[in-house]
Amino acid sequence: MKKINIILFVLFLICGMAGLSFAQTAQAAVAKKVKVKTEVVTGKITAIDMANNTIVVNEGKAGTEKTITVDPKVISSLSANEEVKVSVKEGSNTAVSLKKIVRKTTSTKK
């Protein structure tokens, strides 16, 4: 009877260790984040459409205009002619992040 108890104990121990090893691999898989590919658009805001939550950004050097969908909370703090740097999901027009660009003005004192 002692031998059967020892064998059962060892089997339960082995099964428990196997279950733990599978749980660790599942956690490692969850920990890996899927990176979203982004495209950066930099330029001045030429138009704001509050109804559709979109802005139109004129890229300075390229001279092209791009319509970008922005979070309603963010769009309320924007105004026309502001310079912005917008990260957009590649293949879409949805903004991932938006930063206002503040240009430092140099003044000469006499």
Protein backbone atom coordinates (compact mmCIF):
# COMPACT_ATOMS: atom_id res chain seq x y z
CA MET A 1 0.00 0.00 0.00
CA LYS A 2 2.90 2.35 0.73
CA LYS A 3 4.32 1.80 -2.75
CA ILE A 4 0.99 2.70 -4.41
CA ASN A 5 0.77 5.91 -2.36
CA ILE A 6 4.32 6.87 -3.33
CA ILE A 7 3.65 6.13 -7.03
CA LEU A 8 0.44 8.20 -6.97
CA PHE A 9 2.26 11.05 -5.21
CA VAL A 10 5.01 11.04 -7.84
CA LEU A 11 2.43 11.02 -10.67
CA PHE A 12 0.58 13.99 -9.18
CA LEU A 13 3.88 15.81 -8.74
CA ILE A 14 4.86 15.21 -12.39
CA CYS A 15 1.43 16.33 -13.66
CA GLY A 16 1.61 19.47 -11.52
CA MET A 17 5.06 20.41 -12.84
CA ALA A 18 3.94 19.84 -16.44
CA GLY A 19 0.96 22.16 -15.91
CA LEU A 20 3.22 24.88 -14.51
CA SER A 21 5.54 24.72 -17.49
CA PHE A 22 2.61 25.25 -19.89
CA ALA A 23 1.35 28.18 -17.83
CA GLN A 24 4.71 29.94 -18.08
CA THR A 25 4.76 29.69 -21.88
CA ALA A 26 1.25 31.16 -22.05
CA GLN A 27 2.35 34.12 -19.92
CA ALA A 28 5.39 34.70 -22.12
CA ALA A 29 3.17 34.75 -25.21
CA VAL A 30 0.83 37.29 -23.61
CA ALA A 31 3.76 39.48 -22.57
CA LYS A 32 4.88 39.97 -26.17
CA LYS A 33 3.24 43.07 -27.60
CA VAL A 34 2.31 43.37 -31.22
CA LYS A 35 3.93 46.52 -32.57
CA VAL A 36 1.78 48.71 -34.77
CA LYS A 37 3.58 50.08 -37.81
CA THR A 38 3.18 53.82 -38.02
CA GLU A 39 3.81 56.62 -40.48
CA VAL A 40 4.77 60.11 -39.24
CA VAL A 41 3.07 63.17 -40.73
CA THR A 42 4.46 66.60 -39.83
CA GLY A 43 2.93 69.88 -40.92
CA LYS A 44 0.40 72.64 -40.30
CA ILE A 45 -3.27 72.03 -39.61
CA THR A 46 -5.24 73.65 -42.43
CA ALA A 47 -8.74 72.51 -41.46
CA ILE A 48 -10.55 70.97 -38.49
CA ASP A 49 -13.84 69.05 -38.81
CA MET A 50 -15.27 68.63 -35.30
CA ALA A 51 -18.32 66.69 -36.55
CA ASN A 52 -16.20 63.92 -38.11
CA ASN A 53 -13.22 64.24 -35.67
CA THR A 54 -10.79 64.84 -38.54
CA ILE A 55 -8.03 67.31 -39.25
CA VAL A 56 -6.30 68.17 -42.51
CA VAL A 57 -2.50 68.44 -42.23
CA ASN A 58 -0.47 70.16 -44.96
CA GLU A 59 2.98 68.57 -45.11
CA GLY A 60 5.37 71.45 -45.66
CA LYS A 61 8.08 70.02 -47.92
CA ALA A 62 5.88 67.62 -49.88
CA GLY A 63 3.02 70.10 -50.14
CA THR A 64 0.47 67.31 -49.83
CA GLU A 65 -2.57 67.37 -47.60
CA LYS A 66 -3.62 64.40 -45.51
CA THR A 67 -6.92 63.97 -43.68
CA ILE A 68 -6.42 62.29 -40.31
CA THR A 69 -8.99 60.97 -37.82
CA VAL A 70 -8.21 62.16 -34.29
CA ASP A 71 -9.61 61.34 -30.83
CA PRO A 72 -12.46 63.74 -29.90
CA LYS A 73 -10.69 64.66 -26.64
CA VAL A 74 -7.56 65.70 -28.56
CA ILE A 75 -9.28 67.54 -31.40
CA SER A 76 -10.90 70.04 -29.02
CA SER A 77 -7.47 71.35 -28.00
CA LEU A 78 -6.29 71.96 -31.59
CA SER A 79 -6.60 75.05 -33.76
CA ALA A 80 -5.89 75.87 -37.38
CA ASN A 81 -2.33 76.87 -38.40
CA GLU A 82 -0.78 74.91 -35.52
CA GLU A 83 2.20 72.73 -36.40
CA VAL A 84 1.77 69.11 -35.37
CA LYS A 85 3.58 65.79 -35.58
CA VAL A 86 1.10 62.95 -35.99
CA SER A 87 1.85 59.22 -35.89
CA VAL A 88 -0.70 57.45 -38.09
CA LYS A 89 -1.42 53.71 -38.33
CA GLU A 90 0.16 52.50 -41.53
CA GLY A 91 -2.49 51.91 -44.17
CA SER A 92 -5.16 53.99 -42.42
CA ASN A 93 -5.90 57.59 -41.47
CA THR A 94 -6.26 57.02 -37.71
CA ALA A 95 -3.90 58.93 -35.41
CA VAL A 96 -1.97 56.89 -32.85
CA SER A 97 -0.34 59.93 -31.24
CA LEU A 98 -0.29 63.68 -31.83
CA LYS A 99 2.18 66.27 -30.59
CA LYS A 100 2.08 70.02 -31.06
CA ILE A 101 5.33 71.50 -32.35
CA VAL A 102 6.33 74.70 -30.61
CA ARG A 103 8.87 76.74 -32.54
CA LYS A 104 11.18 78.88 -30.45
CA THR A 105 11.32 82.43 -31.69
CA THR A 106 14.60 84.24 -31.45
CA SER A 107 14.50 87.89 -30.65
CA THR A 108 17.44 90.22 -30.70
CA LYS A 109 17.68 92.86 -28.00
CA LYS A 110 19.49 96.10 -28.62
